[in-house]
Amino acid sequence: MHTAIYSSEEHKSIIEIYITMCKQFVQEVTTQTRYNNYLEVIDIVIEYSNGYGQGVRENNFYDWIMILPINISVATNGFFAGLETKSNAAVLRAYKVVLEQMLQEVANKLYEVEPTND
């Protein structure tokens, strides 16, 4: 699994909390095999973010720091859509609402992060 590149400790903290919550929610509603498949997708998103981040300049800094939360949100919601049945729909919808609220909080916090490289 790839390790994400961050611009600062603040950036790292914000993103890692979000990724951890997404992973926990997915792990709670699926099998280990499917969870491992989800982790493979997350790894691809991290790899993409790292590649984009290597050439980041101030004019695209905020695009770069939003790659992980946006793409992980899309991946997680897509994963939930693939799992949804009549019996688990309410639980998955509740997770989706919480993740959407968390994504908004993450975005707000990231807009305050300054372009640095600790």
PDB file of N, CA and C in Angstrom:
ATOM      1  N   MET A   1       0.849  -1.182   0.000  1.00  0.00           N
ATOM      2  CA  MET A   1       0.000   0.000   0.000  1.00  0.00           C
ATOM      3  C   MET A   1       0.891   1.240   0.000  1.00  0.00           C
ATOM      4  N   HIS A   2       0.504   2.205  -0.813  1.00  0.00           N
ATOM      5  CA  HIS A   2       1.258   3.458  -0.895  1.00  0.00           C
ATOM      6  C   HIS A   2       1.017   4.325   0.337  1.00  0.00           C
ATOM      7  N   THR A   3       1.992   5.120   0.665  1.00  0.00           N
ATOM      8  CA  THR A   3       1.866   6.100   1.738  1.00  0.00           C
ATOM      9  C   THR A   3       1.638   7.454   1.091  1.00  0.00           C
ATOM     10  N   ALA A   4       0.611   8.141   1.530  1.00  0.00           N
ATOM     11  CA  ALA A   4       0.261   9.429   0.933  1.00  0.00           C
ATOM     12  C   ALA A   4       1.314  10.486   1.233  1.00  0.00           C
ATOM     13  N   ILE A   5       1.489  11.382   0.283  1.00  0.00           N
ATOM     14  CA  ILE A   5       2.352  12.551   0.448  1.00  0.00           C
ATOM     15  C   ILE A   5       1.466  13.699   0.926  1.00  0.00           C
ATOM     16  N   TYR A   6       1.937  14.413   1.926  1.00  0.00           N
ATOM     17  CA  TYR A   6       1.184  15.541   2.482  1.00  0.00           C
ATOM     18  C   TYR A   6       2.033  16.798   2.423  1.00  0.00           C
ATOM     19  N   SER A   7       1.372  17.936   2.416  1.00  0.00           N
ATOM     20  CA  SER A   7       2.096  19.205   2.366  1.00  0.00           C
ATOM     21  C   SER A   7       2.583  19.645   3.734  1.00  0.00           C
ATOM     22  N   SER A   8       1.917  19.163   4.785  1.00  0.00           N
ATOM     23  CA  SER A   8       2.263  19.584   6.145  1.00  0.00           C
ATOM     24  C   SER A   8       1.664  18.593   7.133  1.00  0.00           C
ATOM     25  N   GLU A   9       2.032  18.717   8.375  1.00  0.00           N
ATOM     26  CA  GLU A   9       1.447  17.878   9.424  1.00  0.00           C
ATOM     27  C   GLU A   9      -0.049  18.160   9.573  1.00  0.00           C
ATOM     28  N   GLU A  10      -0.427  19.410   9.403  1.00  0.00           N
ATOM     29  CA  GLU A  10      -1.850  19.760   9.483  1.00  0.00           C
ATOM     30  C   GLU A  10      -2.630  19.053   8.385  1.00  0.00           C
ATOM     31  N   HIS A  11      -2.126  19.117   7.164  1.00  0.00           N
ATOM     32  CA  HIS A  11      -2.751  18.446   6.025  1.00  0.00           C
ATOM     33  C   HIS A  11      -2.857  16.948   6.309  1.00  0.00           C
ATOM     34  N   LYS A  12      -1.771  16.360   6.790  1.00  0.00           N
ATOM     35  CA  LYS A  12      -1.731  14.931   7.094  1.00  0.00           C
ATOM     36  C   LYS A  12      -2.797  14.555   8.128  1.00  0.00           C
ATOM     37  N   SER A  13      -2.886  15.302   9.182  1.00  0.00           N
ATOM     38  CA  SER A  13      -3.838  15.015  10.249  1.00  0.00           C
ATOM     39  C   SER A  13      -5.279  15.059   9.740  1.00  0.00           C
ATOM     40  N   ILE A  14      -5.620  16.082   8.997  1.00  0.00           N
ATOM     41  CA  ILE A  14      -6.980  16.249   8.472  1.00  0.00           C
ATOM     42  C   ILE A  14      -7.353  15.064   7.581  1.00  0.00           C
ATOM     43  N   ILE A  15      -6.465  14.721   6.667  1.00  0.00           N
ATOM     44  CA  ILE A  15      -6.755  13.667   5.697  1.00  0.00           C
ATOM     45  C   ILE A  15      -6.761  12.288   6.351  1.00  0.00           C
ATOM     46  N   GLU A  16      -5.815  12.025   7.217  1.00  0.00           N
ATOM     47  CA  GLU A  16      -5.747  10.690   7.817  1.00  0.00           C
ATOM     48  C   GLU A  16      -6.964  10.389   8.688  1.00  0.00           C
ATOM     49  N   ILE A  17      -7.479  11.377   9.364  1.00  0.00           N
ATOM     50  CA  ILE A  17      -8.704  11.173  10.151  1.00  0.00           C
ATOM     51  C   ILE A  17      -9.855  10.813   9.218  1.00  0.00           C
ATOM     52  N   TYR A  18      -9.968  11.528   8.108  1.00  0.00           N
ATOM     53  CA  TYR A  18     -11.045  11.252   7.151  1.00  0.00           C
ATOM     54  C   TYR A  18     -10.908   9.857   6.539  1.00  0.00           C
ATOM     55  N   ILE A  19      -9.711   9.502   6.104  1.00  0.00           N
ATOM     56  CA  ILE A  19      -9.487   8.187   5.496  1.00  0.00           C
ATOM     57  C   ILE A  19      -9.786   7.077   6.508  1.00  0.00           C
ATOM     58  N   THR A  20      -9.361   7.258   7.737  1.00  0.00           N
ATOM     59  CA  THR A  20      -9.608   6.260   8.779  1.00  0.00           C
ATOM     60  C   THR A  20     -11.098   6.047   8.989  1.00  0.00           C
ATOM     61  N   MET A  21     -11.864   7.119   9.025  1.00  0.00           N
ATOM     62  CA  MET A  21     -13.311   6.988   9.206  1.00  0.00           C
ATOM     63  C   MET A  21     -13.950   6.265   8.024  1.00  0.00           C
ATOM     64  N   CYS A  22     -13.556   6.607   6.814  1.00  0.00           N
ATOM     65  CA  CYS A  22     -14.102   5.934   5.632  1.00  0.00           C
ATOM     66  C   CYS A  22     -13.797   4.443   5.700  1.00  0.00           C
ATOM     67  N   LYS A  23     -12.574   4.101   6.013  1.00  0.00           N
ATOM     68  CA  LYS A  23     -12.185   2.691   6.103  1.00  0.00           C
ATOM     69  C   LYS A  23     -12.982   1.963   7.189  1.00  0.00           C
ATOM     70  N   GLN A  24     -13.157   2.603   8.327  1.00  0.00           N
ATOM     71  CA  GLN A  24     -13.903   1.965   9.413  1.00  0.00           C
ATOM     72  C   GLN A  24     -15.350   1.709   9.018  1.00  0.00           C
ATOM     73  N   PHE A  25     -15.980   2.702   8.386  1.00  0.00           N
ATOM     74  CA  PHE A  25     -17.370   2.538   7.963  1.00  0.00           C
ATOM     75  C   PHE A  25     -17.496   1.376   6.986  1.00  0.00           C
ATOM     76  N   VAL A  26     -16.592   1.313   6.003  1.00  0.00           N
ATOM     77  CA  VAL A  26     -16.647   0.242   5.011  1.00  0.00           C
ATOM     78  C   VAL A  26     -16.412  -1.105   5.670  1.00  0.00           C
ATOM     79  N   GLN A  27     -15.443  -1.179   6.551  1.00  0.00           N
ATOM     80  CA  GLN A  27     -15.124  -2.443   7.210  1.00  0.00           C
ATOM     81  C   GLN A  27     -16.304  -2.972   8.017  1.00  0.00           C
ATOM     82  N   GLU A  28     -17.112  -2.069   8.563  1.00  0.00           N
ATOM     83  CA  GLU A  28     -18.252  -2.471   9.381  1.00  0.00           C
ATOM     84  C   GLU A  28     -19.389  -3.088   8.572  1.00  0.00           C
ATOM     85  N   VAL A  29     -19.439  -2.814   7.262  1.00  0.00           N
ATOM     86  CA  VAL A  29     -20.597  -3.250   6.476  1.00  0.00           C
ATOM     87  C   VAL A  29     -20.282  -4.282   5.403  1.00  0.00           C
ATOM     88  N   THR A  30     -19.066  -4.812   5.399  1.00  0.00           N
ATOM     89  CA  THR A  30     -18.709  -5.727   4.319  1.00  0.00           C
ATOM     90  C   THR A  30     -17.850  -6.876   4.804  1.00  0.00           C
ATOM     91  N   THR A  31     -17.543  -7.776   3.893  1.00  0.00           N
ATOM     92  CA  THR A  31     -16.669  -8.904   4.191  1.00  0.00           C
ATOM     93  C   THR A  31     -15.212  -8.470   4.092  1.00  0.00           C
ATOM     94  N   GLN A  32     -14.314  -9.280   4.614  1.00  0.00           N
ATOM     95  CA  GLN A  32     -12.895  -8.955   4.553  1.00  0.00           C
ATOM     96  C   GLN A  32     -12.398  -8.909   3.110  1.00  0.00           C
ATOM     97  N   THR A  33     -12.879  -9.819   2.275  1.00  0.00           N
ATOM     98  CA  THR A  33     -12.456  -9.837   0.867  1.00  0.00           C
ATOM     99  C   THR A  33     -12.864  -8.556   0.159  1.00  0.00           C
ATOM    100  N   ARG A  34     -14.086  -8.132   0.347  1.00  0.00           N
ATOM    101  CA  ARG A  34     -14.551  -6.891  -0.289  1.00  0.00           C
ATOM    102  C   ARG A  34     -13.845  -5.678   0.310  1.00  0.00           C
ATOM    103  N   TYR A  35     -13.587  -5.711   1.593  1.00  0.00           N
ATOM    104  CA  TYR A  35     -12.847  -4.624   2.234  1.00  0.00           C
ATOM    105  C   TYR A  35     -11.453  -4.512   1.621  1.00  0.00           C
ATOM    106  N   ASN A  36     -10.807  -5.643   1.389  1.00  0.00           N
ATOM    107  CA  ASN A  36      -9.489  -5.623   0.744  1.00  0.00           C
ATOM    108  C   ASN A  36      -9.573  -5.037  -0.662  1.00  0.00           C
ATOM    109  N   ASN A  37     -10.654  -5.321  -1.382  1.00  0.00           N
ATOM    110  CA  ASN A  37     -10.857  -4.719  -2.702  1.00  0.00           C
ATOM    111  C   ASN A  37     -11.003  -3.202  -2.589  1.00  0.00           C
ATOM    112  N   TYR A  38     -11.732  -2.761  -1.582  1.00  0.00           N
ATOM    113  CA  TYR A  38     -11.888  -1.330  -1.325  1.00  0.00           C
ATOM    114  C   TYR A  38     -10.526  -0.691  -1.052  1.00  0.00           C
ATOM    115  N   LEU A  39      -9.706  -1.348  -0.243  1.00  0.00           N
ATOM    116  CA  LEU A  39      -8.374  -0.819   0.074  1.00  0.00           C
ATOM    117  C   LEU A  39      -7.509  -0.697  -1.182  1.00  0.00           C
ATOM    118  N   GLU A  40      -7.681  -1.597  -2.136  1.00  0.00           N
ATOM    119  CA  GLU A  40      -6.951  -1.506  -3.395  1.00  0.00           C
ATOM    120  C   GLU A  40      -7.337  -0.241  -4.154  1.00  0.00           C
ATOM    121  N   VAL A  41      -8.608   0.094  -4.134  1.00  0.00           N
ATOM    122  CA  VAL A  41      -9.070   1.323  -4.788  1.00  0.00           C
ATOM    123  C   VAL A  41      -8.501   2.542  -4.077  1.00  0.00           C
ATOM    124  N   ILE A  42      -8.510   2.537  -2.759  1.00  0.00           N
ATOM    125  CA  ILE A  42      -7.949   3.643  -1.984  1.00  0.00           C
ATOM    126  C   ILE A  42      -6.465   3.805  -2.303  1.00  0.00           C
ATOM    127  N   ASP A  43      -5.766   2.699  -2.460  1.00  0.00           N
ATOM    128  CA  ASP A  43      -4.350   2.751  -2.803  1.00  0.00           C
ATOM    129  C   ASP A  43      -4.130   3.409  -4.166  1.00  0.00           C
ATOM    130  N   ILE A  44      -4.998   3.127  -5.112  1.00  0.00           N
ATOM    131  CA  ILE A  44      -4.906   3.763  -6.440  1.00  0.00           C
ATOM    132  C   ILE A  44      -5.113   5.270  -6.322  1.00  0.00           C
ATOM    133  N   VAL A  45      -6.064   5.679  -5.497  1.00  0.00           N
ATOM    134  CA  VAL A  45      -6.315   7.113  -5.290  1.00  0.00           C
ATOM    135  C   VAL A  45      -5.087   7.768  -4.652  1.00  0.00           C
ATOM    136  N   ILE A  46      -4.484   7.113  -3.680  1.00  0.00           N
ATOM    137  CA  ILE A  46      -3.284   7.658  -3.026  1.00  0.00           C
ATOM    138  C   ILE A  46      -2.141   7.764  -4.027  1.00  0.00           C
ATOM    139  N   GLU A  47      -1.973   6.752  -4.841  1.00  0.00           N
ATOM    140  CA  GLU A  47      -0.921   6.773  -5.864  1.00  0.00           C
ATOM    141  C   GLU A  47      -1.133   7.938  -6.841  1.00  0.00           C
ATOM    142  N   TYR A  48      -2.377   8.148  -7.260  1.00  0.00           N
ATOM    143  CA  TYR A  48      -2.690   9.265  -8.146  1.00  0.00           C
ATOM    144  C   TYR A  48      -2.377  10.603  -7.472  1.00  0.00           C
ATOM    145  N   SER A  49      -2.803  10.745  -6.227  1.00  0.00           N
ATOM    146  CA  SER A  49      -2.553  11.982  -5.488  1.00  0.00           C
ATOM    147  C   SER A  49      -1.061  12.246  -5.350  1.00  0.00           C
ATOM    148  N   ASN A  50      -0.303  11.209  -5.042  1.00  0.00           N
ATOM    149  CA  ASN A  50       1.145  11.364  -4.896  1.00  0.00           C
ATOM    150  C   ASN A  50       1.781  11.820  -6.200  1.00  0.00           C
ATOM    151  N   GLY A  51       1.356  11.241  -7.312  1.00  0.00           N
ATOM    152  CA  GLY A  51       1.895  11.629  -8.611  1.00  0.00           C
ATOM    153  C   GLY A  51       1.567  13.072  -8.952  1.00  0.00           C
ATOM    154  N   TYR A  52       0.363  13.477  -8.635  1.00  0.00           N
ATOM    155  CA  TYR A  52      -0.059  14.855  -8.891  1.00  0.00           C
ATOM    156  C   TYR A  52       0.689  15.809  -7.970  1.00  0.00           C
ATOM    157  N   GLY A  53       0.893  15.392  -6.731  1.00  0.00           N
ATOM    158  CA  GLY A  53       1.522  16.247  -5.732  1.00  0.00           C
ATOM    159  C   GLY A  53       2.994  16.501  -5.965  1.00  0.00           C
ATOM    160  N   GLN A  54       3.661  15.637  -6.716  1.00  0.00           N
ATOM    161  CA  GLN A  54       5.092  15.810  -6.948  1.00  0.00           C
ATOM    162  C   GLN A  54       5.401  17.071  -7.746  1.00  0.00           C
ATOM    163  N   GLY A  55       4.497  17.501  -8.601  1.00  0.00           N
ATOM    164  CA  GLY A  55       4.743  18.687  -9.405  1.00  0.00           C
ATOM    165  C   GLY A  55       3.855  19.854  -9.025  1.00  0.00           C
ATOM    166  N   VAL A  56       3.345  19.822  -7.805  1.00  0.00           N
ATOM    167  CA  VAL A  56       2.376  20.845  -7.410  1.00  0.00           C
ATOM    168  C   VAL A  56       3.030  22.225  -7.295  1.00  0.00           C
ATOM    169  N   ARG A  57       2.294  23.188  -7.752  1.00  0.00           N
ATOM    170  CA  ARG A  57       2.693  24.595  -7.620  1.00  0.00           C
ATOM    171  C   ARG A  57       1.572  25.313  -6.891  1.00  0.00           C
ATOM    172  N   GLU A  58       1.855  26.510  -6.471  1.00  0.00           N
ATOM    173  CA  GLU A  58       0.867  27.234  -5.675  1.00  0.00           C
ATOM    174  C   GLU A  58      -0.477  27.358  -6.389  1.00  0.00           C
ATOM    175  N   ASN A  59      -0.477  27.533  -7.719  1.00  0.00           N
ATOM    176  CA  ASN A  59      -1.743  27.740  -8.425  1.00  0.00           C
ATOM    177  C   ASN A  59      -2.603  26.486  -8.479  1.00  0.00           C
ATOM    178  N   ASN A  60      -2.044  25.306  -8.252  1.00  0.00           N
ATOM    179  CA  ASN A  60      -2.875  24.108  -8.209  1.00  0.00           C
ATOM    180  C   ASN A  60      -2.761  23.371  -6.871  1.00  0.00           C
ATOM    181  N   PHE A  61      -2.257  24.035  -5.873  1.00  0.00           N
ATOM    182  CA  PHE A  61      -2.090  23.451  -4.546  1.00  0.00           C
ATOM    183  C   PHE A  61      -3.419  22.957  -3.986  1.00  0.00           C
ATOM    184  N   TYR A  62      -4.451  23.773  -4.067  1.00  0.00           N
ATOM    185  CA  TYR A  62      -5.736  23.389  -3.486  1.00  0.00           C
ATOM    186  C   TYR A  62      -6.407  22.280  -4.289  1.00  0.00           C
ATOM    187  N   ASP A  63      -6.156  22.227  -5.582  1.00  0.00           N
ATOM    188  CA  ASP A  63      -6.641  21.088  -6.374  1.00  0.00           C
ATOM    189  C   ASP A  63      -6.016  19.803  -5.836  1.00  0.00           C
ATOM    190  N   TRP A  64      -4.714  19.863  -5.607  1.00  0.00           N
ATOM    191  CA  TRP A  64      -3.989  18.677  -5.136  1.00  0.00           C
ATOM    192  C   TRP A  64      -4.459  18.223  -3.755  1.00  0.00           C
ATOM    193  N   ILE A  65      -4.578  19.132  -2.800  1.00  0.00           N
ATOM    194  CA  ILE A  65      -4.931  18.696  -1.445  1.00  0.00           C
ATOM    195  C   ILE A  65      -6.374  18.200  -1.343  1.00  0.00           C
ATOM    196  N   MET A  66      -7.189  18.479  -2.355  1.00  0.00           N
ATOM    197  CA  MET A  66      -8.569  17.979  -2.362  1.00  0.00           C
ATOM    198  C   MET A  66      -8.712  16.649  -3.090  1.00  0.00           C
ATOM    199  N   ILE A  67      -7.659  16.185  -3.765  1.00  0.00           N
ATOM    200  CA  ILE A  67      -7.750  14.919  -4.502  1.00  0.00           C
ATOM    201  C   ILE A  67      -8.148  13.767  -3.587  1.00  0.00           C
ATOM    202  N   LEU A  68      -7.463  13.611  -2.473  1.00  0.00           N
ATOM    203  CA  LEU A  68      -7.750  12.478  -1.589  1.00  0.00           C
ATOM    204  C   LEU A  68      -9.170  12.519  -1.025  1.00  0.00           C
ATOM    205  N   PRO A  69      -9.601  13.612  -0.412  1.00  0.00           N
ATOM    206  CA  PRO A  69     -10.953  13.559   0.165  1.00  0.00           C
ATOM    207  C   PRO A  69     -12.055  13.395  -0.885  1.00  0.00           C
ATOM    208  N   ILE A  70     -11.928  14.059  -2.013  1.00  0.00           N
ATOM    209  CA  ILE A  70     -12.977  13.957  -3.031  1.00  0.00           C
ATOM    210  C   ILE A  70     -13.023  12.555  -3.616  1.00  0.00           C
ATOM    211  N   ASN A  71     -11.883  12.038  -4.027  1.00  0.00           N
ATOM    212  CA  ASN A  71     -11.867  10.723  -4.669  1.00  0.00           C
ATOM    213  C   ASN A  71     -12.179   9.590  -3.699  1.00  0.00           C
ATOM    214  N   ILE A  72     -11.754   9.722  -2.464  1.00  0.00           N
ATOM    215  CA  ILE A  72     -12.084   8.688  -1.477  1.00  0.00           C
ATOM    216  C   ILE A  72     -13.569   8.744  -1.144  1.00  0.00           C
ATOM    217  N   SER A  73     -14.136   9.930  -1.124  1.00  0.00           N
ATOM    218  CA  SER A  73     -15.572  10.065  -0.915  1.00  0.00           C
ATOM    219  C   SER A  73     -16.347   9.388  -2.040  1.00  0.00           C
ATOM    220  N   VAL A  74     -15.945   9.636  -3.275  1.00  0.00           N
ATOM    221  CA  VAL A  74     -16.615   9.025  -4.426  1.00  0.00           C
ATOM    222  C   VAL A  74     -16.456   7.503  -4.382  1.00  0.00           C
ATOM    223  N   ALA A  75     -15.245   7.038  -4.092  1.00  0.00           N
ATOM    224  CA  ALA A  75     -15.005   5.594  -4.025  1.00  0.00           C
ATOM    225  C   ALA A  75     -15.849   4.943  -2.926  1.00  0.00           C
ATOM    226  N   THR A  76     -15.919   5.588  -1.778  1.00  0.00           N
ATOM    227  CA  THR A  76     -16.672   5.031  -0.656  1.00  0.00           C
ATOM    228  C   THR A  76     -18.162   5.005  -0.952  1.00  0.00           C
ATOM    229  N   ASN A  77     -18.680   6.097  -1.501  1.00  0.00           N
ATOM    230  CA  ASN A  77     -20.101   6.124  -1.842  1.00  0.00           C
ATOM    231  C   ASN A  77     -20.430   5.128  -2.945  1.00  0.00           C
ATOM    232  N   GLY A  78     -19.541   4.967  -3.899  1.00  0.00           N
ATOM    233  CA  GLY A  78     -19.743   3.959  -4.940  1.00  0.00           C
ATOM    234  C   GLY A  78     -19.715   2.556  -4.367  1.00  0.00           C
ATOM    235  N   PHE A  79     -18.819   2.320  -3.449  1.00  0.00           N
ATOM    236  CA  PHE A  79     -18.737   1.022  -2.782  1.00  0.00           C
ATOM    237  C   PHE A  79     -20.036   0.742  -2.039  1.00  0.00           C
ATOM    238  N   PHE A  80     -20.527   1.742  -1.308  1.00  0.00           N
ATOM    239  CA  PHE A  80     -21.794   1.578  -0.589  1.00  0.00           C
ATOM    240  C   PHE A  80     -22.939   1.297  -1.558  1.00  0.00           C
ATOM    241  N   ALA A  81     -22.965   1.962  -2.692  1.00  0.00           N
ATOM    242  CA  ALA A  81     -24.030   1.744  -3.673  1.00  0.00           C
ATOM    243  C   ALA A  81     -24.013   0.298  -4.164  1.00  0.00           C
ATOM    244  N   GLY A  82     -22.816  -0.246  -4.348  1.00  0.00           N
ATOM    245  CA  GLY A  82     -22.704  -1.629  -4.788  1.00  0.00           C
ATOM    246  C   GLY A  82     -23.128  -2.642  -3.740  1.00  0.00           C
ATOM    247  N   LEU A  83     -23.060  -2.262  -2.484  1.00  0.00           N
ATOM    248  CA  LEU A  83     -23.439  -3.162  -1.388  1.00  0.00           C
ATOM    249  C   LEU A  83     -24.907  -3.063  -0.992  1.00  0.00           C
ATOM    250  N   GLU A  84     -25.545  -1.984  -1.389  1.00  0.00           N
ATOM    251  CA  GLU A  84     -26.875  -1.688  -0.853  1.00  0.00           C
ATOM    252  C   GLU A  84     -27.919  -2.736  -1.221  1.00  0.00           C
ATOM    253  N   THR A  85     -28.634  -3.165  -0.201  1.00  0.00           N
ATOM    254  CA  THR A  85     -29.779  -4.060  -0.340  1.00  0.00           C
ATOM    255  C   THR A  85     -30.923  -3.464   0.479  1.00  0.00           C
ATOM    256  N   LYS A  86     -32.084  -4.055   0.385  1.00  0.00           N
ATOM    257  CA  LYS A  86     -33.206  -3.568   1.192  1.00  0.00           C
ATOM    258  C   LYS A  86     -32.900  -3.667   2.681  1.00  0.00           C
ATOM    259  N   SER A  87     -32.175  -4.699   3.072  1.00  0.00           N
ATOM    260  CA  SER A  87     -31.936  -4.913   4.504  1.00  0.00           C
ATOM    261  C   SER A  87     -30.865  -3.991   5.090  1.00  0.00           C
ATOM    262  N   ASN A  88     -29.955  -3.466   4.264  1.00  0.00           N
ATOM    263  CA  ASN A  88     -28.906  -2.603   4.820  1.00  0.00           C
ATOM    264  C   ASN A  88     -28.974  -1.152   4.318  1.00  0.00           C
ATOM    265  N   ALA A  89     -29.994  -0.829   3.562  1.00  0.00           N
ATOM    266  CA  ALA A  89     -30.103   0.500   2.954  1.00  0.00           C
ATOM    267  C   ALA A  89     -30.094   1.624   3.988  1.00  0.00           C
ATOM    268  N   ALA A  90     -30.806   1.464   5.081  1.00  0.00           N
ATOM    269  CA  ALA A  90     -30.873   2.527   6.090  1.00  0.00           C
ATOM    270  C   ALA A  90     -29.505   2.772   6.727  1.00  0.00           C
ATOM    271  N   VAL A  91     -28.780   1.710   7.024  1.00  0.00           N
ATOM    272  CA  VAL A  91     -27.455   1.850   7.625  1.00  0.00           C
ATOM    273  C   VAL A  91     -26.507   2.545   6.656  1.00  0.00           C
ATOM    274  N   LEU A  92     -26.509   2.111   5.398  1.00  0.00           N
ATOM    275  CA  LEU A  92     -25.615   2.709   4.414  1.00  0.00           C
ATOM    276  C   LEU A  92     -25.958   4.173   4.155  1.00  0.00           C
ATOM    277  N   ARG A  93     -27.221   4.494   4.118  1.00  0.00           N
ATOM    278  CA  ARG A  93     -27.610   5.900   3.934  1.00  0.00           C
ATOM    279  C   ARG A  93     -27.140   6.754   5.106  1.00  0.00           C
ATOM    280  N   ALA A  94     -27.217   6.208   6.311  1.00  0.00           N
ATOM    281  CA  ALA A  94     -26.738   6.938   7.490  1.00  0.00           C
ATOM    282  C   ALA A  94     -25.230   7.193   7.378  1.00  0.00           C
ATOM    283  N   TYR A  95     -24.478   6.190   6.967  1.00  0.00           N
ATOM    284  CA  TYR A  95     -23.037   6.370   6.764  1.00  0.00           C
ATOM    285  C   TYR A  95     -22.765   7.421   5.691  1.00  0.00           C
ATOM    286  N   LYS A  96     -23.542   7.395   4.623  1.00  0.00           N
ATOM    287  CA  LYS A  96     -23.349   8.370   3.547  1.00  0.00           C
ATOM    288  C   LYS A  96     -23.566   9.795   4.051  1.00  0.00           C
ATOM    289  N   VAL A  97     -24.578   9.998   4.872  1.00  0.00           N
ATOM    290  CA  VAL A  97     -24.855  11.326   5.420  1.00  0.00           C
ATOM    291  C   VAL A  97     -23.697  11.790   6.297  1.00  0.00           C
ATOM    292  N   VAL A  98     -23.215  10.909   7.155  1.00  0.00           N
ATOM    293  CA  VAL A  98     -22.103  11.258   8.033  1.00  0.00           C
ATOM    294  C   VAL A  98     -20.855  11.576   7.209  1.00  0.00           C
ATOM    295  N   LEU A  99     -20.569  10.756   6.194  1.00  0.00           N
ATOM    296  CA  LEU A  99     -19.395  10.993   5.361  1.00  0.00           C
ATOM    297  C   LEU A  99     -19.503  12.300   4.581  1.00  0.00           C
ATOM    298  N   GLU A 100     -20.698  12.642   4.130  1.00  0.00           N
ATOM    299  CA  GLU A 100     -20.885  13.914   3.423  1.00  0.00           C
ATOM    300  C   GLU A 100     -20.610  15.087   4.355  1.00  0.00           C
ATOM    301  N   GLN A 101     -21.091  15.010   5.580  1.00  0.00           N
ATOM    302  CA  GLN A 101     -20.828  16.062   6.563  1.00  0.00           C
ATOM    303  C   GLN A 101     -19.337  16.154   6.868  1.00  0.00           C
ATOM    304  N   MET A 102     -18.700  15.006   7.013  1.00  0.00           N
ATOM    305  CA  MET A 102     -17.257  14.992   7.276  1.00  0.00           C
ATOM    306  C   MET A 102     -16.486  15.580   6.102  1.00  0.00           C
ATOM    307  N   LEU A 103     -16.899  15.262   4.883  1.00  0.00           N
ATOM    308  CA  LEU A 103     -16.221  15.802   3.702  1.00  0.00           C
ATOM    309  C   LEU A 103     -16.317  17.323   3.677  1.00  0.00           C
ATOM    310  N   GLN A 104     -17.466  17.865   4.030  1.00  0.00           N
ATOM    311  CA  GLN A 104     -17.608  19.319   4.084  1.00  0.00           C
ATOM    312  C   GLN A 104     -16.673  19.926   5.127  1.00  0.00           C
ATOM    313  N   GLU A 105     -16.568  19.286   6.274  1.00  0.00           N
ATOM    314  CA  GLU A 105     -15.663  19.770   7.316  1.00  0.00           C
ATOM    315  C   GLU A 105     -14.208  19.692   6.859  1.00  0.00           C
ATOM    316  N   VAL A 106     -13.851  18.593   6.215  1.00  0.00           N
ATOM    317  CA  VAL A 106     -12.495  18.428   5.699  1.00  0.00           C
ATOM    318  C   VAL A 106     -12.191  19.514   4.676  1.00  0.00           C
ATOM    319  N   ALA A 107     -13.109  19.749   3.757  1.00  0.00           N
ATOM    320  CA  ALA A 107     -12.902  20.776   2.730  1.00  0.00           C
ATOM    321  C   ALA A 107     -12.710  22.145   3.371  1.00  0.00           C
ATOM    322  N   ASN A 108     -13.521  22.466   4.352  1.00  0.00           N
ATOM    323  CA  ASN A 108     -13.389  23.760   5.037  1.00  0.00           C
ATOM    324  C   ASN A 108     -12.032  23.896   5.720  1.00  0.00           C
ATOM    325  N   LYS A 109     -11.593  22.824   6.359  1.00  0.00           N
ATOM    326  CA  LYS A 109     -10.281  22.857   7.030  1.00  0.00           C
ATOM    327  C   LYS A 109      -9.146  22.960   6.017  1.00  0.00           C
ATOM    328  N   LEU A 110      -9.265  22.249   4.902  1.00  0.00           N
ATOM    329  CA  LEU A 110      -8.198  22.263   3.909  1.00  0.00           C
ATOM    330  C   LEU A 110      -8.058  23.616   3.220  1.00  0.00           C
ATOM    331  N   TYR A 111      -9.151  24.341   3.086  1.00  0.00           N
ATOM    332  CA  TYR A 111      -9.053  25.658   2.467  1.00  0.00           C
ATOM    333  C   TYR A 111      -8.255  26.635   3.322  1.00  0.00           C
ATOM    334  N   GLU A 112      -8.055  26.279   4.586  1.00  0.00           N
ATOM    335  CA  GLU A 112      -7.248  27.131   5.476  1.00  0.00           C
ATOM    336  C   GLU A 112      -5.788  26.709   5.529  1.00  0.00           C
ATOM    337  N   VAL A 113      -5.457  25.557   4.942  1.00  0.00           N
ATOM    338  CA  VAL A 113      -4.086  25.070   4.932  1.00  0.00           C
ATOM    339  C   VAL A 113      -3.261  25.898   3.943  1.00  0.00           C
ATOM    340  N   GLU A 114      -2.124  26.334   4.401  1.00  0.00           N
ATOM    341  CA  GLU A 114      -1.228  27.142   3.558  1.00  0.00           C
ATOM    342  C   GLU A 114      -0.272  26.232   2.781  1.00  0.00           C
ATOM    343  N   PRO A 115       0.098  26.637   1.557  1.00  0.00           N
ATOM    344  CA  PRO A 115       1.050  25.825   0.787  1.00  0.00           C
ATOM    345  C   PRO A 115       2.435  25.819   1.410  1.00  0.00           C
ATOM    346  N   THR A 116       2.764  24.746   2.115  1.00  0.00           N
ATOM    347  CA  THR A 116       4.086  24.552   2.711  1.00  0.00           C
ATOM    348  C   THR A 116       4.490  23.116   2.486  1.00  0.00           C
ATOM    349  N   ASN A 117       5.687  22.788   2.886  1.00  0.00           N
ATOM    350  CA  ASN A 117       6.145  21.409   2.822  1.00  0.00           C
ATOM    351  C   ASN A 117       7.014  21.145   4.026  1.00  0.00           C
ATOM    352  N   ASP A 118       6.353  20.755   5.136  1.00  0.00           N
ATOM    353  CA  ASP A 118       7.081  20.509   6.394  1.00  0.00           C
ATOM    354  C   ASP A 118       8.045  19.361   6.266  1.00  0.00           C
TER     355      ASP A 118
END
